[in-house]
Amino acid sequence: MAVGVIVRTGGGTEHPGKMTLFVFLTCLVASSGGLIFGYDIGISGGVTSMDSFLSRFFPSVYRQQMADSSTNQYCKFDSQLLTLFTSSLYWAALLSSFLASTVTRMFGRKWSMFAGGITFLLGSAFNGAAMNILMLILGRGRRPVFLTVLHACAQAVPLYLSEMAPARLRGTLNIGFQLMITVGIFAANLINYGTASIKGGWGWRVSLGLAAVPALVITVGSLVLPDTPNSLIERGHDEEANAMLRKIRGTEDVRAEYDDLVAASDEAKSVHHPWSNILQRKYRPQLTMAVLIPCFQQLTGINVIMFYAPVLFKTIGFGSEASLASAVITGMVMVFGTFVSIATVDKLGRRALFLQGGAQMLASQLVVGTLIALKFGIGGVATDVTKNYASIIVLFICFYVAAFAWSWGPLGWLVPSEIFPLEIRSAGQSITVSVNMFFTFLIAQVFLTALCHLKFGLFYFFAGWVAIMTAFIAFFLPETKSVPIEEIILVWKKHWFWSKFISDEDVHVGNSQAV
């Protein structure tokens, strides 16, 4: 085990490294894992707004939504069975996330991504051929036999990107995962818009079955991906790791960074129980972030928009086609917003984007809630909602989506993937994914019922959480941009609050000098 050392106080070493074509293409292929999640998020809201889908699988909901405007609009889609279809993927993912940690640590990041792709291929085939509700739910849950690898992909991709990227470009390359999620959502919205008009009412089968396309991309892509130097060292392939580090950094001068990786690996090998180790006092900052950041990411309310955008737009007065078109617009806004994050995250830093995005989301949600309250009130009945009024609501929803797309969306994956030392990295990322999946499932499952009972107040509820999480970032998240991933501990060591949990003996950096 590495001996205790006192390290530089400057916040980390600037290791040599540049954006090589090899790194760019590798991270591009790895990021394609996000297409799977984006497509799954976007496709469910679209098909659940299609009359042919509802009349076949959810006839009671179909009858409710066909009622005239004198009925309570807030409750038209209130059905636990309908929300179970949307959320079933995420309870399965929740169960698999902890086991995925072992898969990722034993077999590496690339084979975890391959396993995740195969799982989604099987699930998309099951969904596309669904004949009853059980097949729909099992198709999204991907069946218990595949639970171990179901969300290995969600755990592996952010880790892979953070470990492959040079420190000064880690944010830009890691956000490629979120970019692919938004592209997947946008593609799903476009496909739903097109398939909804297929005569015969079977367009929903095309929408669900086409999930096989992004699954095939990551499955095939993972076969050509190299393993990260961190993962190679962790599994005892030191020479391969050294060669890979030289290749991805585009320089022979990698000794200092390699020593840091080896030191981290030596300490990791001394940890036989990372799940119990992560509870130690010195890992309190990372554990806190692993729980709260994914929790807060979902409590922004974004998946209310992404899962149920067409349903929500129908509620505020749009027809079926117009609601799907509005979902396409919000999907497009999310893609462009993610490009803003890519361009600025390694220049402005994580904190600046978190804080600005939080303020914009807070204001947008308050406006949306107020606009809905003015027209629908408590009773949920509005007979004079003009297209212009509904379009203004969509506009502020777009402001909200854009802010999420350059803040909590990408940073909710980036920050947890870069803050863990190697010895607890897989366990830490597993906690992050599990918390994310739990709250995704919870919000997806309760939203339609919550909309029915809380009405416009639901938007104020999420706005309150955005205020809390923005304050949390302001006080408790240090800046991590440009710090080598194996030296992030230096950032915690200097923080006004977290430094009390970390002693000098807890800091081990390979090329530091003992005192």
Protein backbone atom coordinates (compact mmCIF):
# COMPACT_ATOMS: atom_id res chain seq x y z
CA MET A 1 0.00 0.00 0.00
CA ALA A 2 1.28 3.48 -0.85
CA VAL A 3 2.76 5.44 2.02
CA GLY A 4 1.25 8.69 3.21
CA VAL A 5 2.52 11.79 1.45
CA ILE A 6 1.80 15.47 1.40
CA VAL A 7 1.14 16.64 -2.11
CA ARG A 8 1.26 19.88 -4.04
CA THR A 9 -1.28 22.46 -3.04
CA GLY A 10 -1.79 23.81 -6.55
CA GLY A 11 -4.69 21.51 -7.35
CA GLY A 12 -3.05 18.92 -9.62
CA THR A 13 -0.41 18.39 -12.29
CA GLU A 14 -0.86 19.39 -15.94
CA HIS A 15 0.14 16.09 -17.56
CA PRO A 16 1.18 16.23 -21.24
CA GLY A 17 -1.55 15.22 -23.65
CA LYS A 18 -3.48 16.46 -26.65
CA MET A 19 -6.58 15.69 -28.65
CA THR A 20 -5.44 12.93 -30.98
CA LEU A 21 -7.59 11.51 -33.76
CA PHE A 22 -7.43 8.14 -32.01
CA VAL A 23 -8.83 9.57 -28.76
CA PHE A 24 -11.54 11.52 -30.59
CA LEU A 25 -12.77 8.50 -32.56
CA THR A 26 -12.53 6.21 -29.54
CA CYS A 27 -14.58 8.57 -27.36
CA LEU A 28 -17.07 9.11 -30.18
CA VAL A 29 -17.72 5.38 -30.46
CA ALA A 30 -17.92 4.94 -26.68
CA SER A 31 -20.31 7.88 -26.36
CA SER A 32 -22.74 6.14 -28.68
CA GLY A 33 -23.84 4.16 -25.64
CA GLY A 34 -25.86 7.24 -24.77
CA LEU A 35 -28.02 6.72 -27.87
CA ILE A 36 -29.65 3.74 -26.17
CA PHE A 37 -30.76 5.70 -23.13
CA GLY A 38 -31.85 8.73 -25.09
CA TYR A 39 -33.92 6.67 -27.48
CA ASP A 40 -35.60 4.78 -24.65
CA ILE A 41 -36.43 8.03 -22.84
CA GLY A 42 -37.82 9.74 -25.94
CA ILE A 43 -39.72 6.86 -27.47
CA SER A 44 -41.98 6.00 -24.54
CA GLY A 45 -43.67 9.40 -24.29
CA GLY A 46 -44.40 9.41 -27.99
CA VAL A 47 -45.98 5.98 -28.26
CA THR A 48 -48.09 6.56 -25.15
CA SER A 49 -49.67 9.55 -26.89
CA MET A 50 -50.59 7.52 -30.01
CA ASP A 51 -54.28 6.64 -30.15
CA SER A 52 -53.61 3.23 -31.73
CA PHE A 53 -51.20 2.28 -28.93
CA LEU A 54 -53.49 3.50 -26.15
CA SER A 55 -56.63 1.87 -27.55
CA ARG A 56 -54.83 -1.49 -27.83
CA PHE A 57 -53.00 -1.63 -24.51
CA PHE A 58 -54.58 1.04 -22.30
CA PRO A 59 -58.23 1.38 -23.37
CA SER A 60 -59.32 3.13 -20.16
CA VAL A 61 -56.70 5.86 -20.69
CA TYR A 62 -57.75 6.13 -24.32
CA ARG A 63 -61.35 6.76 -23.29
CA GLN A 64 -60.24 9.37 -20.75
CA GLN A 65 -58.12 11.32 -23.19
CA MET A 66 -60.83 11.29 -25.83
CA ALA A 67 -63.22 13.04 -23.45
CA ASP A 68 -64.07 16.66 -24.23
CA SER A 69 -62.32 19.69 -22.76
CA SER A 70 -64.87 20.08 -19.96
CA THR A 71 -63.16 17.28 -18.06
CA ASN A 72 -60.16 17.69 -15.74
CA GLN A 73 -57.18 17.95 -18.10
CA TYR A 74 -54.70 17.27 -15.32
CA CYS A 75 -56.02 13.72 -14.85
CA LYS A 76 -56.64 12.56 -18.42
CA PHE A 77 -53.62 10.26 -18.50
CA ASP A 78 -53.56 9.18 -14.84
CA SER A 79 -52.85 5.43 -14.95
CA GLN A 80 -50.38 3.44 -12.87
CA LEU A 81 -50.28 0.75 -15.55
CA LEU A 82 -49.35 3.31 -18.20
CA THR A 83 -46.56 4.73 -16.07
CA LEU A 84 -45.34 1.21 -15.26
CA PHE A 85 -44.70 0.73 -18.99
CA THR A 86 -42.52 3.85 -19.01
CA SER A 87 -40.72 3.16 -15.73
CA SER A 88 -40.22 -0.62 -15.98
CA LEU A 89 -36.84 -0.18 -17.65
CA TYR A 90 -35.58 1.76 -14.66
CA TRP A 91 -36.58 -0.58 -11.87
CA ALA A 92 -34.76 -3.32 -13.77
CA ALA A 93 -31.79 -0.99 -14.18
CA LEU A 94 -31.85 -0.18 -10.48
CA LEU A 95 -31.50 -3.86 -9.57
CA SER A 96 -28.72 -4.42 -12.09
CA SER A 97 -26.62 -1.34 -11.31
CA PHE A 98 -24.97 -2.75 -8.18
CA LEU A 99 -24.05 -6.00 -9.93
CA ALA A 100 -22.74 -4.02 -12.90
CA SER A 101 -19.95 -2.72 -10.65
CA THR A 102 -18.47 -6.22 -10.46
CA VAL A 103 -18.84 -6.71 -14.21
CA THR A 104 -17.06 -3.43 -14.94
CA ARG A 105 -14.22 -4.09 -12.51
CA MET A 106 -13.60 -7.72 -13.54
CA PHE A 107 -13.99 -7.50 -17.32
CA GLY A 108 -13.20 -3.88 -18.07
CA ARG A 109 -15.21 -0.99 -19.45
CA LYS A 110 -15.45 -2.11 -23.11
CA TRP A 111 -16.94 -5.56 -22.42
CA SER A 112 -19.44 -3.99 -20.04
CA MET A 113 -20.59 -1.74 -22.88
CA PHE A 114 -20.82 -4.75 -25.21
CA ALA A 115 -23.01 -6.62 -22.70
CA GLY A 116 -25.29 -3.60 -22.33
CA GLY A 117 -25.74 -3.36 -26.11
CA ILE A 118 -26.70 -7.03 -26.43
CA THR A 119 -29.26 -6.60 -23.66
CA PHE A 120 -30.96 -3.71 -25.41
CA LEU A 121 -31.01 -5.59 -28.72
CA LEU A 122 -33.00 -8.38 -27.13
CA GLY A 123 -35.35 -5.99 -25.35
CA SER A 124 -36.12 -3.98 -28.51
CA ALA A 125 -37.10 -7.15 -30.37
CA PHE A 126 -39.41 -8.15 -27.50
CA ASN A 127 -41.07 -4.70 -27.44
CA GLY A 128 -41.54 -4.45 -31.19
CA ALA A 129 -43.35 -7.82 -31.24
CA ALA A 130 -45.45 -7.13 -28.11
CA MET A 131 -48.96 -8.59 -28.14
CA ASN A 132 -50.00 -7.63 -24.61
CA ILE A 133 -49.05 -5.40 -21.69
CA LEU A 134 -46.89 -8.07 -20.07
CA MET A 135 -44.70 -8.31 -23.19
CA LEU A 136 -44.37 -4.52 -23.24
CA ILE A 137 -43.24 -4.34 -19.62
CA LEU A 138 -40.92 -7.34 -19.87
CA GLY A 139 -39.44 -5.93 -23.05
CA ARG A 140 -38.55 -2.66 -21.33
CA GLY A 141 -37.41 -4.49 -18.19
CA ARG A 142 -35.23 -6.69 -20.42
CA ARG A 143 -36.10 -9.78 -18.36
CA PRO A 144 -34.40 -10.82 -15.12
CA VAL A 145 -31.70 -12.99 -16.74
CA PHE A 146 -30.11 -9.87 -18.20
CA LEU A 147 -30.30 -7.68 -15.11
CA THR A 148 -26.60 -8.03 -14.31
CA VAL A 149 -25.51 -6.27 -17.50
CA LEU A 150 -28.53 -4.09 -18.16
CA HIS A 151 -26.93 -0.92 -16.88
CA ALA A 152 -23.29 -1.88 -17.10
CA CYS A 153 -23.35 0.41 -20.11
CA ALA A 154 -24.50 3.42 -18.05
CA GLN A 155 -21.76 2.74 -15.55
CA ALA A 156 -19.00 1.95 -18.04
CA VAL A 157 -19.34 4.72 -20.62
CA PRO A 158 -18.80 7.80 -18.38
CA LEU A 159 -15.90 6.03 -16.63
CA TYR A 160 -14.37 5.07 -19.98
CA LEU A 161 -14.58 8.62 -21.31
CA SER A 162 -13.12 10.20 -18.16
CA GLU A 163 -10.22 7.75 -18.11
CA MET A 164 -9.37 8.11 -21.82
CA ALA A 165 -9.53 11.90 -22.01
CA PRO A 166 -6.63 14.28 -21.25
CA ALA A 167 -7.43 16.18 -18.05
CA ARG A 168 -7.89 19.55 -19.75
CA LEU A 169 -10.37 18.03 -22.24
CA ARG A 170 -12.11 15.57 -19.94
CA GLY A 171 -15.30 17.62 -19.67
CA THR A 172 -15.65 18.10 -23.42
CA LEU A 173 -15.13 14.43 -24.25
CA ASN A 174 -17.18 13.08 -21.35
CA ILE A 175 -20.18 15.20 -22.32
CA GLY A 176 -20.20 13.26 -25.59
CA PHE A 177 -22.22 10.69 -23.61
CA GLN A 178 -24.90 13.25 -22.76
CA LEU A 179 -24.82 14.56 -26.33
CA MET A 180 -25.63 11.08 -27.61
CA ILE A 181 -28.46 10.83 -25.07
CA THR A 182 -29.96 14.03 -26.46
CA VAL A 183 -29.46 12.85 -30.05
CA GLY A 184 -31.25 9.62 -29.10
CA ILE A 185 -34.15 11.60 -27.61
CA PHE A 186 -34.37 13.84 -30.68
CA ALA A 187 -34.26 10.85 -33.03
CA ALA A 188 -36.99 9.12 -31.03
CA ASN A 189 -39.19 12.23 -31.20
CA LEU A 190 -38.72 12.45 -34.97
CA ILE A 191 -39.49 8.77 -35.42
CA ASN A 192 -42.62 9.03 -33.27
CA TYR A 193 -43.77 12.01 -35.33
CA GLY A 194 -43.34 10.00 -38.52
CA THR A 195 -44.70 6.64 -37.37
CA ALA A 196 -47.82 8.14 -35.75
CA SER A 197 -49.26 8.73 -39.23
CA ILE A 198 -48.73 5.16 -40.49
CA LYS A 199 -52.06 3.77 -41.61
CA GLY A 200 -53.20 0.66 -39.81
CA GLY A 201 -52.10 1.88 -36.38
CA TRP A 202 -48.89 -0.17 -36.14
CA GLY A 203 -46.43 2.73 -36.17
CA TRP A 204 -45.73 2.22 -32.47
CA ARG A 205 -44.17 -1.17 -33.32
CA VAL A 206 -41.68 0.57 -35.59
CA SER A 207 -40.88 3.14 -32.89
CA LEU A 208 -40.24 0.49 -30.22
CA GLY A 209 -38.44 -1.93 -32.53
CA LEU A 210 -36.01 0.70 -33.86
CA ALA A 211 -34.37 0.74 -30.42
CA ALA A 212 -32.31 -2.05 -31.98
CA VAL A 213 -30.40 0.51 -34.08
CA PRO A 214 -28.63 2.39 -31.25
CA ALA A 215 -28.16 -0.94 -29.43
CA LEU A 216 -26.40 -2.35 -32.50
CA VAL A 217 -24.17 0.73 -32.75
CA ILE A 218 -22.74 0.33 -29.23
CA THR A 219 -22.59 -3.47 -29.50
CA VAL A 220 -20.48 -3.39 -32.65
CA GLY A 221 -18.58 -0.28 -31.59
CA SER A 222 -17.51 -1.77 -28.27
CA LEU A 223 -15.76 -4.61 -30.11
CA VAL A 224 -13.26 -2.18 -31.66
CA LEU A 225 -12.70 -0.06 -28.55
CA PRO A 226 -9.41 -0.37 -26.66
CA ASP A 227 -9.42 -0.66 -22.89
CA THR A 228 -8.38 2.35 -20.83
CA PRO A 229 -4.88 2.50 -19.26
CA ASN A 230 -6.55 2.64 -15.83
CA SER A 231 -8.50 -0.56 -16.47
CA LEU A 232 -5.46 -2.34 -17.96
CA ILE A 233 -3.31 -1.52 -14.93
CA GLU A 234 -6.14 -2.53 -12.60
CA ARG A 235 -6.19 -5.98 -14.29
CA GLY A 236 -2.38 -6.42 -14.32
CA HIS A 237 -1.50 -5.47 -17.93
CA ASP A 238 1.10 -2.83 -17.11
CA GLU A 239 3.03 -2.83 -20.40
CA GLU A 240 -0.14 -2.60 -22.46
CA ALA A 241 -1.29 0.23 -20.24
CA ASN A 242 1.94 2.17 -20.77
CA ALA A 243 1.70 1.71 -24.54
CA MET A 244 -1.96 2.73 -24.57
CA LEU A 245 -1.25 5.81 -22.47
CA ARG A 246 1.43 6.94 -24.94
CA LYS A 247 -0.96 6.36 -27.83
CA ILE A 248 -3.93 8.27 -26.42
CA ARG A 249 -1.82 11.19 -25.15
CA GLY A 250 0.11 11.50 -28.42
CA THR A 251 3.45 11.77 -26.62
CA GLU A 252 6.20 9.60 -25.12
CA ASP A 253 6.31 11.83 -22.03
CA VAL A 254 3.76 9.96 -19.93
CA ARG A 255 5.95 8.80 -17.03
CA ALA A 256 4.42 11.14 -14.45
CA GLU A 257 0.84 10.26 -15.35
CA TYR A 258 1.68 6.56 -15.56
CA ASP A 259 3.20 6.68 -12.07
CA ASP A 260 0.01 8.27 -10.75
CA LEU A 261 -2.06 5.50 -12.33
CA VAL A 262 0.19 2.78 -10.88
CA ALA A 263 0.08 4.36 -7.40
CA ALA A 264 -3.70 4.50 -7.59
CA SER A 265 -3.85 0.89 -8.76
CA ASP A 266 -1.55 -0.27 -5.93
CA GLU A 267 -3.86 1.31 -3.41
CA ALA A 268 -6.88 -0.12 -5.20
CA LYS A 269 -5.45 -3.66 -4.99
CA SER A 270 -5.18 -3.31 -1.23
CA VAL A 271 -8.92 -2.72 -1.07
CA HIS A 272 -10.74 -6.04 -1.14
CA HIS A 273 -14.16 -4.69 -0.22
CA PRO A 274 -14.79 -1.42 -2.11
CA TRP A 275 -18.44 -1.38 -1.01
CA SER A 276 -17.46 -1.16 2.64
CA ASN A 277 -14.43 0.98 1.91
CA ILE A 278 -16.49 3.69 0.26
CA LEU A 279 -18.18 4.29 3.62
CA GLN A 280 -14.90 5.37 5.21
CA ARG A 281 -14.64 8.95 6.41
CA LYS A 282 -12.02 9.93 3.80
CA TYR A 283 -14.45 9.10 0.98
CA ARG A 284 -17.33 11.10 2.49
CA PRO A 285 -17.12 13.91 -0.12
CA GLN A 286 -17.26 11.49 -3.07
CA LEU A 287 -20.03 9.38 -1.54
CA THR A 288 -22.12 12.48 -0.87
CA MET A 289 -21.78 13.61 -4.49
CA ALA A 290 -22.46 10.09 -5.79
CA VAL A 291 -25.82 10.14 -4.01
CA LEU A 292 -26.95 13.76 -4.24
CA ILE A 293 -25.91 14.73 -7.77
CA PRO A 294 -27.90 11.97 -9.56
CA CYS A 295 -30.76 12.48 -7.11
CA PHE A 296 -30.86 16.20 -7.83
CA GLN A 297 -30.49 15.59 -11.57
CA GLN A 298 -33.82 13.77 -11.59
CA LEU A 299 -35.49 16.18 -9.16
CA THR A 300 -34.99 18.96 -11.71
CA GLY A 301 -38.07 17.38 -13.30
CA ILE A 302 -36.41 16.91 -16.68
CA ASN A 303 -37.75 13.41 -17.21
CA VAL A 304 -41.27 14.76 -16.77
CA ILE A 305 -40.58 16.63 -20.01
CA MET A 306 -38.59 13.90 -21.75
CA PHE A 307 -40.83 10.94 -20.87
CA TYR A 308 -44.17 12.67 -21.17
CA ALA A 309 -43.61 15.66 -23.46
CA PRO A 310 -46.35 14.69 -25.97
CA VAL A 311 -48.72 13.83 -23.11
CA LEU A 312 -47.94 17.12 -21.37
CA PHE A 313 -48.45 19.11 -24.57
CA LYS A 314 -51.76 17.35 -25.14
CA THR A 315 -52.79 18.35 -21.63
CA ILE A 316 -52.18 22.06 -22.36
CA GLY A 317 -54.23 22.04 -25.51
CA PHE A 318 -52.27 20.61 -28.45
CA GLY A 319 -53.65 17.89 -30.72
CA SER A 320 -51.83 14.57 -31.23
CA GLU A 321 -49.74 15.70 -34.21
CA ALA A 322 -48.94 19.10 -32.71
CA SER A 323 -47.94 17.53 -29.39
CA LEU A 324 -45.47 15.22 -31.14
CA ALA A 325 -44.12 18.16 -33.17
CA SER A 326 -43.60 20.16 -29.96
CA ALA A 327 -41.68 17.22 -28.48
CA VAL A 328 -39.42 17.30 -31.56
CA ILE A 329 -38.74 20.99 -30.89
CA THR A 330 -37.77 20.39 -27.25
CA GLY A 331 -35.56 17.49 -28.35
CA MET A 332 -33.78 19.76 -30.81
CA VAL A 333 -33.27 22.40 -28.13
CA MET A 334 -31.67 19.79 -25.87
CA VAL A 335 -29.19 18.78 -28.58
CA PHE A 336 -28.10 22.38 -29.19
CA GLY A 337 -27.91 23.09 -25.47
CA THR A 338 -25.57 20.13 -25.03
CA PHE A 339 -23.25 21.58 -27.68
CA VAL A 340 -23.07 24.74 -25.56
CA SER A 341 -21.89 22.63 -22.63
CA ILE A 342 -19.29 20.86 -24.78
CA ALA A 343 -17.90 24.21 -25.91
CA THR A 344 -17.74 25.78 -22.44
CA VAL A 345 -17.34 23.14 -19.73
CA ASP A 346 -13.52 23.06 -19.83
CA LYS A 347 -13.32 26.86 -20.13
CA LEU A 348 -15.95 28.13 -17.70
CA GLY A 349 -15.82 25.10 -15.43
CA ARG A 350 -18.45 22.84 -13.88
CA ARG A 351 -19.63 25.20 -11.17
CA ALA A 352 -20.43 28.11 -13.50
CA LEU A 353 -22.63 25.94 -15.71
CA PHE A 354 -24.35 24.34 -12.72
CA LEU A 355 -25.17 27.71 -11.17
CA GLN A 356 -26.30 29.49 -14.35
CA GLY A 357 -28.35 26.49 -15.50
CA GLY A 358 -29.99 26.18 -12.10
CA ALA A 359 -31.05 29.84 -12.07
CA GLN A 360 -32.53 29.58 -15.57
CA MET A 361 -34.38 26.34 -14.81
CA LEU A 362 -35.82 27.83 -11.61
CA ALA A 363 -37.18 30.88 -13.43
CA SER A 364 -38.57 28.81 -16.31
CA GLN A 365 -40.42 26.36 -14.08
CA LEU A 366 -41.99 29.15 -12.05
CA VAL A 367 -43.24 30.79 -15.26
CA VAL A 368 -44.58 27.51 -16.72
CA GLY A 369 -46.39 26.67 -13.49
CA THR A 370 -47.92 30.14 -13.34
CA LEU A 371 -49.04 30.10 -16.99
CA ILE A 372 -50.74 26.73 -16.52
CA ALA A 373 -52.31 27.91 -13.27
CA LEU A 374 -53.79 31.00 -14.95
CA LYS A 375 -55.56 28.93 -17.60
CA PHE A 376 -56.39 25.64 -15.92
CA GLY A 377 -56.64 26.70 -12.28
CA ILE A 378 -57.44 24.04 -9.69
CA GLY A 379 -60.19 22.31 -11.63
CA GLY A 380 -58.10 21.58 -14.72
CA VAL A 381 -60.75 22.87 -17.11
CA ALA A 382 -59.90 25.48 -19.74
CA THR A 383 -61.95 26.18 -22.83
CA ASP A 384 -60.05 29.16 -24.20
CA VAL A 385 -56.44 27.99 -24.46
CA THR A 386 -55.27 29.54 -27.72
CA LYS A 387 -52.41 28.18 -29.77
CA ASN A 388 -50.42 31.32 -29.02
CA TYR A 389 -50.86 30.84 -25.27
CA ALA A 390 -49.86 27.17 -25.49
CA SER A 391 -46.88 28.14 -27.66
CA ILE A 392 -45.66 30.56 -24.97
CA ILE A 393 -45.73 27.68 -22.47
CA VAL A 394 -43.70 25.57 -24.91
CA LEU A 395 -41.23 28.45 -25.30
CA PHE A 396 -40.52 28.57 -21.56
CA ILE A 397 -40.30 24.79 -21.46
CA CYS A 398 -37.61 25.14 -24.14
CA PHE A 399 -35.75 27.68 -21.95
CA TYR A 400 -35.87 25.14 -19.15
CA VAL A 401 -34.70 22.27 -21.39
CA ALA A 402 -31.81 24.36 -22.79
CA ALA A 403 -30.58 25.20 -19.29
CA PHE A 404 -30.70 21.55 -18.24
CA ALA A 405 -28.89 20.55 -21.43
CA TRP A 406 -25.83 22.63 -20.63
CA SER A 407 -25.83 22.10 -16.87
CA TRP A 408 -27.43 19.29 -14.88
CA GLY A 409 -27.83 17.00 -17.90
CA PRO A 410 -24.19 16.49 -18.87
CA LEU A 411 -22.64 17.48 -15.55
CA GLY A 412 -24.81 15.00 -13.68
CA TRP A 413 -22.84 12.27 -15.45
CA LEU A 414 -19.49 14.04 -15.81
CA VAL A 415 -18.79 15.09 -12.22
CA PRO A 416 -19.48 11.71 -10.54
CA SER A 417 -17.35 9.92 -13.15
CA GLU A 418 -14.27 12.04 -12.42
CA ILE A 419 -14.21 12.33 -8.63
CA PHE A 420 -13.55 8.76 -7.43
CA PRO A 421 -10.10 7.28 -6.75
CA LEU A 422 -9.52 4.04 -8.64
CA GLU A 423 -9.94 1.77 -5.60
CA ILE A 424 -13.61 2.70 -5.22
CA ARG A 425 -14.36 3.97 -8.74
CA SER A 426 -16.54 1.12 -9.94
CA ALA A 427 -18.47 1.00 -6.65
CA GLY A 428 -18.89 4.78 -6.65
CA GLN A 429 -20.14 4.91 -10.21
CA SER A 430 -22.47 2.02 -9.46
CA ILE A 431 -24.01 4.04 -6.62
CA THR A 432 -24.38 7.01 -8.95
CA VAL A 433 -26.18 4.97 -11.58
CA SER A 434 -28.37 3.22 -9.00
CA VAL A 435 -29.49 6.47 -7.38
CA ASN A 436 -30.13 7.92 -10.84
CA MET A 437 -32.22 4.92 -11.86
CA PHE A 438 -34.17 4.90 -8.58
CA PHE A 439 -35.27 8.50 -8.90
CA THR A 440 -35.87 8.13 -12.64
CA PHE A 441 -38.16 5.19 -11.88
CA LEU A 442 -39.85 7.03 -9.01
CA ILE A 443 -40.58 10.20 -10.98
CA ALA A 444 -41.64 8.30 -14.10
CA GLN A 445 -44.01 6.18 -12.02
CA VAL A 446 -45.65 8.95 -10.01
CA PHE A 447 -45.69 11.90 -12.44
CA LEU A 448 -49.10 11.40 -14.04
CA THR A 449 -50.69 10.78 -10.64
CA ALA A 450 -48.82 13.74 -9.16
CA LEU A 451 -50.00 15.96 -12.04
CA CYS A 452 -53.56 14.86 -11.32
CA HIS A 453 -53.30 15.74 -7.61
CA LEU A 454 -50.76 18.60 -7.45
CA LYS A 455 -51.86 20.15 -10.75
CA PHE A 456 -49.81 23.24 -11.69
CA GLY A 457 -48.19 23.04 -8.23
CA LEU A 458 -46.07 20.16 -9.53
CA PHE A 459 -43.93 22.66 -11.44
CA TYR A 460 -43.47 24.71 -8.26
CA PHE A 461 -42.45 21.49 -6.49
CA PHE A 462 -39.63 20.89 -8.96
CA ALA A 463 -38.67 24.57 -8.88
CA GLY A 464 -38.18 24.30 -5.13
CA TRP A 465 -35.80 21.40 -5.59
CA VAL A 466 -33.86 23.32 -8.25
CA ALA A 467 -33.35 26.14 -5.74
CA ILE A 468 -32.05 23.66 -3.15
CA MET A 469 -29.65 21.90 -5.52
CA THR A 470 -28.28 25.18 -6.89
CA ALA A 471 -27.46 26.30 -3.35
CA PHE A 472 -25.84 22.92 -2.67
CA ILE A 473 -23.54 23.34 -5.68
CA ALA A 474 -22.63 26.87 -4.64
CA PHE A 475 -21.51 25.77 -1.17
CA PHE A 476 -20.28 22.19 -1.48
CA LEU A 477 -19.02 21.33 -4.98
CA PRO A 478 -15.41 22.37 -5.69
CA GLU A 479 -14.22 23.04 -9.23
CA THR A 480 -12.70 19.97 -10.92
CA LYS A 481 -11.90 21.21 -14.42
CA SER A 482 -8.40 20.41 -15.78
CA VAL A 483 -7.41 18.38 -12.70
CA PRO A 484 -6.00 14.91 -13.58
CA ILE A 485 -8.51 12.27 -12.58
CA GLU A 486 -6.08 10.55 -10.19
CA GLU A 487 -5.38 13.85 -8.40
CA ILE A 488 -8.95 15.01 -7.75
CA ILE A 489 -8.36 14.29 -4.06
CA LEU A 490 -6.28 17.48 -3.94
CA VAL A 491 -9.42 19.46 -4.72
CA TRP A 492 -11.30 17.93 -1.80
CA LYS A 493 -8.30 18.45 0.44
CA LYS A 494 -8.40 22.22 -0.17
CA HIS A 495 -12.19 22.65 0.13
CA TRP A 496 -13.46 24.66 3.10
CA PHE A 497 -15.86 21.93 4.23
CA TRP A 498 -14.62 18.60 2.86
CA SER A 499 -11.01 19.09 3.97
CA LYS A 500 -11.97 18.13 7.52
CA PHE A 501 -12.70 14.56 6.32
CA ILE A 502 -9.32 14.02 4.62
CA SER A 503 -6.01 13.75 6.49
CA ASP A 504 -2.58 14.20 4.90
CA GLU A 505 -2.01 10.43 5.19
CA ASP A 506 -5.06 9.81 3.01
CA VAL A 507 -3.52 11.54 -0.02
CA HIS A 508 -1.47 9.33 -2.33
CA VAL A 509 -0.19 10.64 -5.65
CA GLY A 510 2.51 8.67 -7.47
CA ASN A 511 4.82 11.51 -8.45
CA SER A 512 4.47 13.54 -5.26
CA GLN A 513 7.34 14.07 -2.86
CA ALA A 514 7.10 12.83 0.70
CA VAL A 515 7.90 15.19 3.51
